[in-house]
């Protein structure tokens, strides 16, 4: 094992030890309950399913069938679950919670919710958002694909969102393209101009949120002449489109771009322009599918690299 792999392996193992200590899973029994962690997990599964079978539980929870059978026997002995023969296949037994099982699960659920709320309460708003985003990334990178992706929503910006936009642009473009801090500085200037010049009748920002964490953004502003700063008549500019890696593939980027077009039409703009770089292939695909046309390209040296800048335009006439 080379040094880099060994270092990363050590870091993952250190995180595992920290996290198991933090959430208390090393305790054989949960505080103030008679149930083990495994039994509590099974009660949660039964509470959130109509009916299931032992085979389904063993497969989805990756549990040894023999071990699962012993757990189920204890729950049956406590009259917490019942088994009913399937009407479609007599070989299958459908398992579900009894009334006693539901009563036993309720305080477990409340205790777990209170414990997590206390964990989050120790963090400020920015810390909570960072924690949720990190958890979503871990789940996406290491977990199985969801049958149905988590829902997401678009909303106006709140306090702290502008800072998040600047920070995430700086981090992601450094990670994915190697761009230096000058790009983050550019984004900071654009964001500051948005705040200073903001006109709700002509401009807007949308934040995409998923499971309590920011996962995307876009801005639509009055287009201005770069030299004079004068407004360009009936022309809007799309700026700072971004989607977090963990939320890509869900249609968020296309929806953000579509919202810009919807708003621009409603406000009487006749066209939308944007500036991007040729290496940003995912964004370029979104623009092309939305009907934008490439109108100009020119090489430039920026952010530590030789790039090709592009101007795209959508006519709204």
C-alpha atoms as a PDB file:
ATOM      1  CA  UNK A   1       0.000   0.000   0.000  1.00  0.00           C
ATOM      2  CA  UNK A   2       1.520   3.319  -1.044  1.00  0.00           C
ATOM      3  CA  UNK A   3       1.711   6.264   1.335  1.00  0.00           C
ATOM      4  CA  UNK A   4      -1.202   8.203  -0.204  1.00  0.00           C
ATOM      5  CA  UNK A   5      -3.629   5.248  -0.024  1.00  0.00           C
ATOM      6  CA  UNK A   6      -2.481   4.435   3.503  1.00  0.00           C
ATOM      7  CA  UNK A   7      -3.059   8.041   4.567  1.00  0.00           C
ATOM      8  CA  UNK A   8      -6.566   8.070   3.113  1.00  0.00           C
ATOM      9  CA  UNK A   9      -7.399   4.706   4.677  1.00  0.00           C
ATOM     10  CA  UNK A  10      -6.248   5.984   8.051  1.00  0.00           C
ATOM     11  CA  UNK A  11      -8.401   9.094   7.665  1.00  0.00           C
ATOM     12  CA  UNK A  12     -11.521   7.045   6.872  1.00  0.00           C
ATOM     13  CA  UNK A  13     -10.933   4.736   9.838  1.00  0.00           C
ATOM     14  CA  UNK A  14     -10.395   7.741  12.114  1.00  0.00           C
ATOM     15  CA  UNK A  15     -13.694   9.245  10.943  1.00  0.00           C
ATOM     16  CA  UNK A  16     -15.485   5.942  11.557  1.00  0.00           C
ATOM     17  CA  UNK A  17     -14.198   5.812  15.137  1.00  0.00           C
ATOM     18  CA  UNK A  18     -15.172   9.428  15.736  1.00  0.00           C
ATOM     19  CA  UNK A  19     -18.661   9.039  14.298  1.00  0.00           C
ATOM     20  CA  UNK A  20     -19.513   5.836  16.146  1.00  0.00           C
ATOM     21  CA  UNK A  21     -18.450   7.494  19.399  1.00  0.00           C
ATOM     22  CA  UNK A  22     -20.401  10.641  18.593  1.00  0.00           C
ATOM     23  CA  UNK A  23     -23.754   8.980  17.897  1.00  0.00           C
ATOM     24  CA  UNK A  24     -23.319   6.383  20.619  1.00  0.00           C
ATOM     25  CA  UNK A  25     -23.654   3.227  18.544  1.00  0.00           C
ATOM     26  CA  UNK A  26     -20.996   1.488  20.630  1.00  0.00           C
ATOM     27  CA  UNK A  27     -23.472   1.213  23.487  1.00  0.00           C
ATOM     28  CA  UNK A  28     -24.980  -2.254  23.477  1.00  0.00           C
ATOM     29  CA  UNK A  29     -28.350  -0.895  24.522  1.00  0.00           C
ATOM     30  CA  UNK A  30     -29.863   2.477  23.803  1.00  0.00           C
ATOM     31  CA  UNK A  31     -30.201   4.783  26.772  1.00  0.00           C
ATOM     32  CA  UNK A  32     -33.458   4.395  28.701  1.00  0.00           C
ATOM     33  CA  UNK A  33     -34.734   1.512  26.539  1.00  0.00           C
ATOM     34  CA  UNK A  34     -34.698  -2.269  26.728  1.00  0.00           C
ATOM     35  CA  UNK A  35     -33.833  -2.633  23.062  1.00  0.00           C
ATOM     36  CA  UNK A  36     -30.478  -3.161  21.432  1.00  0.00           C
ATOM     37  CA  UNK A  37     -29.448  -0.985  18.504  1.00  0.00           C
ATOM     38  CA  UNK A  38     -30.309  -3.769  16.049  1.00  0.00           C
ATOM     39  CA  UNK A  39     -33.739  -4.312  17.608  1.00  0.00           C
ATOM     40  CA  UNK A  40     -34.438  -0.585  17.526  1.00  0.00           C
ATOM     41  CA  UNK A  41     -33.483  -0.475  13.845  1.00  0.00           C
ATOM     42  CA  UNK A  42     -35.888  -3.324  13.084  1.00  0.00           C
ATOM     43  CA  UNK A  43     -38.706  -1.557  14.920  1.00  0.00           C
ATOM     44  CA  UNK A  44     -37.983   1.552  12.821  1.00  0.00           C
ATOM     45  CA  UNK A  45     -38.145  -0.519   9.626  1.00  0.00           C
ATOM     46  CA  UNK A  46     -41.474  -2.081  10.619  1.00  0.00           C
ATOM     47  CA  UNK A  47     -42.882   1.328  11.602  1.00  0.00           C
ATOM     48  CA  UNK A  48     -42.078   2.702   8.136  1.00  0.00           C
ATOM     49  CA  UNK A  49     -43.280  -0.251   6.075  1.00  0.00           C
ATOM     50  CA  UNK A  50     -46.753  -1.639   5.592  1.00  0.00           C
ATOM     51  CA  UNK A  51     -45.599  -5.248   5.451  1.00  0.00           C
ATOM     52  CA  UNK A  52     -42.287  -6.940   4.745  1.00  0.00           C
ATOM     53  CA  UNK A  53     -40.627 -10.348   4.876  1.00  0.00           C
ATOM     54  CA  UNK A  54     -37.554 -11.622   6.678  1.00  0.00           C
ATOM     55  CA  UNK A  55     -35.833 -12.184   3.326  1.00  0.00           C
ATOM     56  CA  UNK A  56     -36.414  -8.568   2.296  1.00  0.00           C
ATOM     57  CA  UNK A  57     -35.056  -7.283   5.600  1.00  0.00           C
ATOM     58  CA  UNK A  58     -31.964  -9.483   5.443  1.00  0.00           C
ATOM     59  CA  UNK A  59     -31.206  -8.327   1.903  1.00  0.00           C
ATOM     60  CA  UNK A  60     -31.865  -4.603   2.376  1.00  0.00           C
ATOM     61  CA  UNK A  61     -30.180  -4.333   5.803  1.00  0.00           C
ATOM     62  CA  UNK A  62     -27.329  -6.673   4.852  1.00  0.00           C
ATOM     63  CA  UNK A  63     -27.942  -8.849   7.924  1.00  0.00           C
ATOM     64  CA  UNK A  64     -27.022 -12.487   8.370  1.00  0.00           C
ATOM     65  CA  UNK A  65     -30.306 -14.476   8.070  1.00  0.00           C
ATOM     66  CA  UNK A  66     -29.543 -16.485  11.197  1.00  0.00           C
ATOM     67  CA  UNK A  67     -28.836 -13.381  13.261  1.00  0.00           C
ATOM     68  CA  UNK A  68     -31.955 -11.683  11.879  1.00  0.00           C
ATOM     69  CA  UNK A  69     -34.046 -14.736  12.737  1.00  0.00           C
ATOM     70  CA  UNK A  70     -32.951 -14.552  16.382  1.00  0.00           C
ATOM     71  CA  UNK A  71     -33.789 -10.841  16.520  1.00  0.00           C
ATOM     72  CA  UNK A  72     -37.231 -11.453  15.040  1.00  0.00           C
ATOM     73  CA  UNK A  73     -37.918 -14.258  17.499  1.00  0.00           C
ATOM     74  CA  UNK A  74     -37.244 -11.891  20.405  1.00  0.00           C
ATOM     75  CA  UNK A  75     -39.603  -9.304  18.952  1.00  0.00           C
ATOM     76  CA  UNK A  76     -42.271 -11.958  18.374  1.00  0.00           C
ATOM     77  CA  UNK A  77     -41.854 -13.239  21.934  1.00  0.00           C
ATOM     78  CA  UNK A  78     -42.455  -9.714  23.170  1.00  0.00           C
ATOM     79  CA  UNK A  79     -45.623  -9.547  21.039  1.00  0.00           C
ATOM     80  CA  UNK A  80     -44.175  -6.549  19.183  1.00  0.00           C
ATOM     81  CA  UNK A  81     -44.491  -7.984  15.670  1.00  0.00           C
ATOM     82  CA  UNK A  82     -46.912 -10.391  14.022  1.00  0.00           C
ATOM     83  CA  UNK A  83     -46.478 -12.786  11.103  1.00  0.00           C
ATOM     84  CA  UNK A  84     -49.229 -13.358   8.543  1.00  0.00           C
ATOM     85  CA  UNK A  85     -49.210 -15.852   5.689  1.00  0.00           C
ATOM     86  CA  UNK A  86     -49.177 -14.141   2.303  1.00  0.00           C
ATOM     87  CA  UNK A  87     -52.438 -14.465   0.400  1.00  0.00           C
ATOM     88  CA  UNK A  88     -50.480 -14.540  -2.861  1.00  0.00           C
ATOM     89  CA  UNK A  89     -47.780 -17.024  -1.866  1.00  0.00           C
ATOM     90  CA  UNK A  90     -48.309 -19.225   1.189  1.00  0.00           C
ATOM     91  CA  UNK A  91     -44.547 -19.770   1.472  1.00  0.00           C
ATOM     92  CA  UNK A  92     -44.044 -16.140   2.508  1.00  0.00           C
ATOM     93  CA  UNK A  93     -44.754 -14.657   5.923  1.00  0.00           C
ATOM     94  CA  UNK A  94     -45.503 -10.928   6.041  1.00  0.00           C
ATOM     95  CA  UNK A  95     -44.207  -9.217   9.183  1.00  0.00           C
ATOM     96  CA  UNK A  96     -45.660  -6.059  10.703  1.00  0.00           C
ATOM     97  CA  UNK A  97     -45.874  -4.192  14.009  1.00  0.00           C
ATOM     98  CA  UNK A  98     -48.562  -5.011  16.527  1.00  0.00           C
ATOM     99  CA  UNK A  99     -50.296  -2.335  18.564  1.00  0.00           C
ATOM    100  CA  UNK A 100     -47.825  -3.091  21.354  1.00  0.00           C
ATOM    101  CA  UNK A 101     -44.973  -2.733  18.887  1.00  0.00           C
ATOM    102  CA  UNK A 102     -46.210   0.692  17.826  1.00  0.00           C
ATOM    103  CA  UNK A 103     -46.411   1.778  21.465  1.00  0.00           C
ATOM    104  CA  UNK A 104     -42.867   0.508  22.086  1.00  0.00           C
ATOM    105  CA  UNK A 105     -41.488   2.275  19.018  1.00  0.00           C
ATOM    106  CA  UNK A 106     -43.036   5.701  19.733  1.00  0.00           C
ATOM    107  CA  UNK A 107     -40.698   6.684  22.639  1.00  0.00           C
ATOM    108  CA  UNK A 108     -37.696   5.345  20.702  1.00  0.00           C
ATOM    109  CA  UNK A 109     -38.586   7.566  17.777  1.00  0.00           C
ATOM    110  CA  UNK A 110     -39.095  10.608  19.998  1.00  0.00           C
ATOM    111  CA  UNK A 111     -35.799   9.988  21.808  1.00  0.00           C
ATOM    112  CA  UNK A 112     -33.896   9.596  18.549  1.00  0.00           C
ATOM    113  CA  UNK A 113     -35.431  12.786  17.139  1.00  0.00           C
ATOM    114  CA  UNK A 114     -34.564  14.704  20.306  1.00  0.00           C
ATOM    115  CA  UNK A 115     -30.971  13.403  20.234  1.00  0.00           C
ATOM    116  CA  UNK A 116     -30.468  14.533  16.640  1.00  0.00           C
ATOM    117  CA  UNK A 117     -32.089  17.903  17.360  1.00  0.00           C
ATOM    118  CA  UNK A 118     -29.651  18.390  20.248  1.00  0.00           C
ATOM    119  CA  UNK A 119     -26.746  17.475  17.988  1.00  0.00           C
ATOM    120  CA  UNK A 120     -27.823  20.089  15.436  1.00  0.00           C
ATOM    121  CA  UNK A 121     -28.584  22.702  18.084  1.00  0.00           C
ATOM    122  CA  UNK A 122     -24.911  22.769  19.031  1.00  0.00           C
ATOM    123  CA  UNK A 123     -24.147  24.186  15.554  1.00  0.00           C
ATOM    124  CA  UNK A 124     -25.049  27.558  14.068  1.00  0.00           C
ATOM    125  CA  UNK A 125     -27.031  27.820  10.818  1.00  0.00           C
ATOM    126  CA  UNK A 126     -23.945  27.685   8.609  1.00  0.00           C
ATOM    127  CA  UNK A 127     -22.611  24.700  10.546  1.00  0.00           C
ATOM    128  CA  UNK A 128     -25.883  22.818  10.190  1.00  0.00           C
ATOM    129  CA  UNK A 129     -25.965  23.425   6.439  1.00  0.00           C
ATOM    130  CA  UNK A 130     -22.353  22.283   6.088  1.00  0.00           C
ATOM    131  CA  UNK A 131     -23.047  19.146   8.114  1.00  0.00           C
ATOM    132  CA  UNK A 132     -26.108  18.226   6.050  1.00  0.00           C
ATOM    133  CA  UNK A 133     -24.254  18.835   2.789  1.00  0.00           C
ATOM    134  CA  UNK A 134     -21.344  16.647   3.957  1.00  0.00           C
ATOM    135  CA  UNK A 135     -23.731  13.865   4.994  1.00  0.00           C
ATOM    136  CA  UNK A 136     -25.498  14.043   1.631  1.00  0.00           C
ATOM    137  CA  UNK A 137     -22.161  13.787  -0.172  1.00  0.00           C
ATOM    138  CA  UNK A 138     -21.107  10.740   1.860  1.00  0.00           C
ATOM    139  CA  UNK A 139     -24.464   9.066   1.270  1.00  0.00           C
ATOM    140  CA  UNK A 140     -24.293   9.755  -2.460  1.00  0.00           C
ATOM    141  CA  UNK A 141     -20.674   8.614  -2.869  1.00  0.00           C
ATOM    142  CA  UNK A 142     -20.883   5.459  -0.735  1.00  0.00           C
ATOM    143  CA  UNK A 143     -24.548   4.531  -0.848  1.00  0.00           C
ATOM    144  CA  UNK A 144     -26.641   2.677  -3.335  1.00  0.00           C
ATOM    145  CA  UNK A 145     -28.633   4.626  -5.899  1.00  0.00           C
ATOM    146  CA  UNK A 146     -31.981   5.765  -4.539  1.00  0.00           C
ATOM    147  CA  UNK A 147     -35.135   4.331  -6.077  1.00  0.00           C
ATOM    148  CA  UNK A 148     -36.500   7.866  -5.916  1.00  0.00           C
ATOM    149  CA  UNK A 149     -34.172  10.855  -5.463  1.00  0.00           C
ATOM    150  CA  UNK A 150     -34.801  13.203  -2.576  1.00  0.00           C
ATOM    151  CA  UNK A 151     -37.090  16.084  -3.569  1.00  0.00           C
ATOM    152  CA  UNK A 152     -35.656  19.566  -3.950  1.00  0.00           C
ATOM    153  CA  UNK A 153     -37.082  23.052  -4.123  1.00  0.00           C
ATOM    154  CA  UNK A 154     -36.176  26.497  -5.412  1.00  0.00           C
ATOM    155  CA  UNK A 155     -36.422  29.504  -3.126  1.00  0.00           C
ATOM    156  CA  UNK A 156     -35.226  33.126  -2.886  1.00  0.00           C
ATOM    157  CA  UNK A 157     -31.901  33.733  -1.118  1.00  0.00           C
ATOM    158  CA  UNK A 158     -31.740  34.027   2.663  1.00  0.00           C
ATOM    159  CA  UNK A 159     -29.107  35.485   4.975  1.00  0.00           C
ATOM    160  CA  UNK A 160     -25.851  33.627   4.423  1.00  0.00           C
ATOM    161  CA  UNK A 161     -26.736  32.344   0.954  1.00  0.00           C
ATOM    162  CA  UNK A 162     -24.645  34.925  -0.917  1.00  0.00           C
ATOM    163  CA  UNK A 163     -21.595  33.926   1.115  1.00  0.00           C
ATOM    164  CA  UNK A 164     -22.372  30.276   0.356  1.00  0.00           C
ATOM    165  CA  UNK A 165     -22.490  31.057  -3.381  1.00  0.00           C
ATOM    166  CA  UNK A 166     -19.033  32.629  -3.274  1.00  0.00           C
ATOM    167  CA  UNK A 167     -17.537  29.885  -1.101  1.00  0.00           C
ATOM    168  CA  UNK A 168     -18.908  26.973  -3.151  1.00  0.00           C
ATOM    169  CA  UNK A 169     -17.811  28.510  -6.454  1.00  0.00           C
ATOM    170  CA  UNK A 170     -14.307  28.929  -5.052  1.00  0.00           C
ATOM    171  CA  UNK A 171     -14.136  25.378  -3.678  1.00  0.00           C
ATOM    172  CA  UNK A 172     -15.740  23.492  -6.576  1.00  0.00           C
ATOM    173  CA  UNK A 173     -13.918  25.262  -9.393  1.00  0.00           C
ATOM    174  CA  UNK A 174     -10.620  24.730  -7.591  1.00  0.00           C
ATOM    175  CA  UNK A 175     -11.387  21.035  -7.095  1.00  0.00           C
ATOM    176  CA  UNK A 176     -12.784  20.326 -10.557  1.00  0.00           C
ATOM    177  CA  UNK A 177     -10.764  22.671 -12.778  1.00  0.00           C
ATOM    178  CA  UNK A 178      -7.823  23.817 -10.670  1.00  0.00           C
ATOM    179  CA  UNK A 179      -8.790  27.492 -10.931  1.00  0.00           C
ATOM    180  CA  UNK A 180      -7.027  29.728  -8.429  1.00  0.00           C
ATOM    181  CA  UNK A 181      -8.382  32.198  -5.877  1.00  0.00           C
ATOM    182  CA  UNK A 182      -8.799  34.902  -8.520  1.00  0.00           C
ATOM    183  CA  UNK A 183     -11.941  33.120  -9.714  1.00  0.00           C
ATOM    184  CA  UNK A 184     -13.405  33.217  -6.213  1.00  0.00           C
ATOM    185  CA  UNK A 185     -12.576  36.925  -6.085  1.00  0.00           C
ATOM    186  CA  UNK A 186     -14.435  37.473  -9.373  1.00  0.00           C
ATOM    187  CA  UNK A 187     -17.496  35.652  -8.028  1.00  0.00           C
ATOM    188  CA  UNK A 188     -17.326  37.739  -4.843  1.00  0.00           C
ATOM    189  CA  UNK A 189     -17.372  40.964  -6.897  1.00  0.00           C
ATOM    190  CA  UNK A 190     -20.324  39.753  -8.990  1.00  0.00           C
ATOM    191  CA  UNK A 191     -22.205  38.741  -5.838  1.00  0.00           C
ATOM    192  CA  UNK A 192     -21.490  42.103  -4.186  1.00  0.00           C
ATOM    193  CA  UNK A 193     -22.712  43.958  -7.276  1.00  0.00           C
ATOM    194  CA  UNK A 194     -25.919  41.912  -7.184  1.00  0.00           C
ATOM    195  CA  UNK A 195     -26.572  42.978  -3.595  1.00  0.00           C
ATOM    196  CA  UNK A 196     -25.605  46.631  -4.149  1.00  0.00           C
ATOM    197  CA  UNK A 197     -27.600  47.108  -7.347  1.00  0.00           C
ATOM    198  CA  UNK A 198     -30.481  44.743  -6.642  1.00  0.00           C
ATOM    199  CA  UNK A 199     -33.794  45.720  -8.232  1.00  0.00           C
ATOM    200  CA  UNK A 200     -36.532  43.178  -7.475  1.00  0.00           C
ATOM    201  CA  UNK A 201     -38.482  44.304 -10.549  1.00  0.00           C
ATOM    202  CA  UNK A 202     -35.625  43.385 -12.876  1.00  0.00           C
ATOM    203  CA  UNK A 203     -33.396  40.889 -11.087  1.00  0.00           C
ATOM    204  CA  UNK A 204     -33.631  37.651  -9.121  1.00  0.00           C
ATOM    205  CA  UNK A 205     -31.669  34.831  -7.522  1.00  0.00           C
ATOM    206  CA  UNK A 206     -32.790  31.267  -6.935  1.00  0.00           C
ATOM    207  CA  UNK A 207     -31.281  28.855  -4.419  1.00  0.00           C
ATOM    208  CA  UNK A 208     -31.897  25.137  -4.902  1.00  0.00           C
ATOM    209  CA  UNK A 209     -32.341  23.350  -1.579  1.00  0.00           C
ATOM    210  CA  UNK A 210     -32.433  19.605  -0.978  1.00  0.00           C
ATOM    211  CA  UNK A 211     -32.954  17.919   2.378  1.00  0.00           C
ATOM    212  CA  UNK A 212     -32.192  21.160   4.204  1.00  0.00           C
ATOM    213  CA  UNK A 213     -28.934  21.917   2.383  1.00  0.00           C
ATOM    214  CA  UNK A 214     -28.120  24.316  -0.471  1.00  0.00           C
ATOM    215  CA  UNK A 215     -27.316  22.393  -3.648  1.00  0.00           C
ATOM    216  CA  UNK A 216     -27.490  24.974  -6.423  1.00  0.00           C
ATOM    217  CA  UNK A 217     -27.964  28.593  -7.454  1.00  0.00           C
ATOM    218  CA  UNK A 218     -28.380  30.964 -10.363  1.00  0.00           C
ATOM    219  CA  UNK A 219     -28.711  34.734 -10.772  1.00  0.00           C
ATOM    220  CA  UNK A 220     -30.505  36.809 -13.398  1.00  0.00           C
ATOM    221  CA  UNK A 221     -29.489  40.475 -13.513  1.00  0.00           C
ATOM    222  CA  UNK A 222     -29.832  43.519 -15.714  1.00  0.00           C
ATOM    223  CA  UNK A 223     -27.098  43.241 -18.343  1.00  0.00           C
ATOM    224  CA  UNK A 224     -24.630  46.126 -18.287  1.00  0.00           C
ATOM    225  CA  UNK A 225     -21.866  47.466 -20.502  1.00  0.00           C
ATOM    226  CA  UNK A 226     -18.555  46.306 -19.009  1.00  0.00           C
ATOM    227  CA  UNK A 227     -16.792  49.608 -19.618  1.00  0.00           C
ATOM    228  CA  UNK A 228     -19.431  52.141 -18.585  1.00  0.00           C
ATOM    229  CA  UNK A 229     -21.689  50.082 -16.348  1.00  0.00           C
ATOM    230  CA  UNK A 230     -24.711  51.408 -18.236  1.00  0.00           C
ATOM    231  CA  UNK A 231     -27.754  49.131 -18.489  1.00  0.00           C
ATOM    232  CA  UNK A 232     -28.226  47.405 -21.858  1.00  0.00           C
ATOM    233  CA  UNK A 233     -31.820  47.900 -22.989  1.00  0.00           C
ATOM    234  CA  UNK A 234     -34.164  44.905 -22.654  1.00  0.00           C
ATOM    235  CA  UNK A 235     -31.233  42.541 -21.996  1.00  0.00           C
ATOM    236  CA  UNK A 236     -30.829  40.302 -18.963  1.00  0.00           C
ATOM    237  CA  UNK A 237     -27.703  38.376 -17.984  1.00  0.00           C
ATOM    238  CA  UNK A 238     -27.613  34.901 -16.474  1.00  0.00           C
ATOM    239  CA  UNK A 239     -24.792  34.515 -13.925  1.00  0.00           C
ATOM    240  CA  UNK A 240     -23.255  32.066 -11.464  1.00  0.00           C
ATOM    241  CA  UNK A 241     -25.111  28.866 -12.313  1.00  0.00           C
ATOM    242  CA  UNK A 242     -23.894  26.127  -9.980  1.00  0.00           C
ATOM    243  CA  UNK A 243     -25.087  22.663  -8.906  1.00  0.00           C
ATOM    244  CA  UNK A 244     -23.395  20.663  -6.169  1.00  0.00           C
ATOM    245  CA  UNK A 245     -21.844  17.351  -7.330  1.00  0.00           C
ATOM    246  CA  UNK A 246     -24.107  15.336  -5.001  1.00  0.00           C
ATOM    247  CA  UNK A 247     -27.208  16.845  -6.652  1.00  0.00           C
ATOM    248  CA  UNK A 248     -26.222  16.617 -10.309  1.00  0.00           C
ATOM    249  CA  UNK A 249     -28.331  14.537 -12.640  1.00  0.00           C
ATOM    250  CA  UNK A 250     -31.610  15.573 -10.985  1.00  0.00           C
ATOM    251  CA  UNK A 251     -32.517  18.310 -13.463  1.00  0.00           C
ATOM    252  CA  UNK A 252     -31.713  21.141 -11.050  1.00  0.00           C
ATOM    253  CA  UNK A 253     -29.429  23.003 -13.475  1.00  0.00           C
ATOM    254  CA  UNK A 254     -31.997  22.922 -16.273  1.00  0.00           C
ATOM    255  CA  UNK A 255     -34.723  24.093 -13.905  1.00  0.00           C
ATOM    256  CA  UNK A 256     -32.604  27.005 -12.664  1.00  0.00           C
ATOM    257  CA  UNK A 257     -31.951  28.111 -16.250  1.00  0.00           C
ATOM    258  CA  UNK A 258     -35.654  27.735 -17.076  1.00  0.00           C
ATOM    259  CA  UNK A 259     -36.581  29.949 -14.116  1.00  0.00           C
ATOM    260  CA  UNK A 260     -34.306  32.651 -15.481  1.00  0.00           C
ATOM    261  CA  UNK A 261     -36.110  32.535 -18.827  1.00  0.00           C
ATOM    262  CA  UNK A 262     -39.543  32.554 -17.175  1.00  0.00           C
ATOM    263  CA  UNK A 263     -38.643  35.591 -15.053  1.00  0.00           C
ATOM    264  CA  UNK A 264     -37.023  37.442 -17.960  1.00  0.00           C
ATOM    265  CA  UNK A 265     -40.103  37.011 -20.156  1.00  0.00           C
ATOM    266  CA  UNK A 266     -42.397  38.164 -17.350  1.00  0.00           C
ATOM    267  CA  UNK A 267     -40.308  41.308 -16.839  1.00  0.00           C
ATOM    268  CA  UNK A 268     -40.289  42.237 -20.526  1.00  0.00           C
ATOM    269  CA  UNK A 269     -36.688  41.401 -21.403  1.00  0.00           C
ATOM    270  CA  UNK A 270     -36.109  40.611 -25.085  1.00  0.00           C
ATOM    271  CA  UNK A 271     -32.979  38.500 -24.669  1.00  0.00           C
ATOM    272  CA  UNK A 272     -30.719  36.820 -22.115  1.00  0.00           C
ATOM    273  CA  UNK A 273     -26.947  36.733 -22.475  1.00  0.00           C
ATOM    274  CA  UNK A 274     -24.353  34.827 -20.485  1.00  0.00           C
ATOM    275  CA  UNK A 275     -20.613  34.359 -20.413  1.00  0.00           C
ATOM    276  CA  UNK A 276     -18.987  30.995 -19.746  1.00  0.00           C
ATOM    277  CA  UNK A 277     -15.901  28.969 -20.657  1.00  0.00           C
ATOM    278  CA  UNK A 278     -15.589  26.140 -23.140  1.00  0.00           C
ATOM    279  CA  UNK A 279     -14.359  23.680 -20.482  1.00  0.00           C
ATOM    280  CA  UNK A 280     -17.676  23.883 -18.614  1.00  0.00           C
ATOM    281  CA  UNK A 281     -19.288  21.218 -20.769  1.00  0.00           C
ATOM    282  CA  UNK A 282     -22.193  20.335 -18.464  1.00  0.00           C
ATOM    283  CA  UNK A 283     -23.336  23.954 -18.251  1.00  0.00           C
ATOM    284  CA  UNK A 284     -22.905  24.417 -22.013  1.00  0.00           C
ATOM    285  CA  UNK A 285     -25.145  21.392 -22.618  1.00  0.00           C
ATOM    286  CA  UNK A 286     -27.841  22.915 -20.417  1.00  0.00           C
ATOM    287  CA  UNK A 287     -27.664  26.231 -22.259  1.00  0.00           C
ATOM    288  CA  UNK A 288     -27.810  24.566 -25.670  1.00  0.00           C
ATOM    289  CA  UNK A 289     -30.833  22.443 -24.715  1.00  0.00           C
ATOM    290  CA  UNK A 290     -32.580  25.561 -23.406  1.00  0.00           C
ATOM    291  CA  UNK A 291     -32.204  27.234 -26.815  1.00  0.00           C
ATOM    292  CA  UNK A 292     -29.182  29.451 -26.192  1.00  0.00           C
ATOM    293  CA  UNK A 293     -26.853  30.021 -29.153  1.00  0.00           C
ATOM    294  CA  UNK A 294     -23.094  30.543 -29.012  1.00  0.00           C
ATOM    295  CA  UNK A 295     -22.442  34.004 -30.464  1.00  0.00           C
ATOM    296  CA  UNK A 296     -18.790  34.699 -29.617  1.00  0.00           C
ATOM    297  CA  UNK A 297     -15.673  32.928 -28.354  1.00  0.00           C
ATOM    298  CA  UNK A 298     -12.183  34.178 -27.598  1.00  0.00           C
ATOM    299  CA  UNK A 299      -9.120  32.842 -25.758  1.00  0.00           C
ATOM    300  CA  UNK A 300      -8.011  34.423 -22.511  1.00  0.00           C
ATOM    301  CA  UNK A 301      -5.594  33.795 -19.658  1.00  0.00           C
ATOM    302  CA  UNK A 302      -7.478  33.652 -16.347  1.00  0.00           C
ATOM    303  CA  UNK A 303      -7.481  31.866 -12.992  1.00  0.00           C
ATOM    304  CA  UNK A 304      -4.120  30.253 -13.739  1.00  0.00           C
ATOM    305  CA  UNK A 305      -5.056  28.702 -17.112  1.00  0.00           C
ATOM    306  CA  UNK A 306      -5.421  29.452 -20.810  1.00  0.00           C
ATOM    307  CA  UNK A 307      -9.165  29.290 -21.452  1.00  0.00           C
ATOM    308  CA  UNK A 308     -11.674  30.009 -24.172  1.00  0.00           C
ATOM    309  CA  UNK A 309     -14.426  32.383 -23.061  1.00  0.00           C
ATOM    310  CA  UNK A 310     -17.823  32.124 -24.716  1.00  0.00           C
ATOM    311  CA  UNK A 311     -20.837  34.415 -25.005  1.00  0.00           C
ATOM    312  CA  UNK A 312     -24.227  32.741 -25.407  1.00  0.00           C
ATOM    313  CA  UNK A 313     -27.573  34.365 -26.142  1.00  0.00           C
ATOM    314  CA  UNK A 314     -31.246  33.424 -25.914  1.00  0.00           C
ATOM    315  CA  UNK A 315     -33.660  35.591 -27.900  1.00  0.00           C
ATOM    316  CA  UNK A 316     -37.039  36.014 -26.242  1.00  0.00           C
ATOM    317  CA  UNK A 317     -38.859  37.923 -28.968  1.00  0.00           C
END
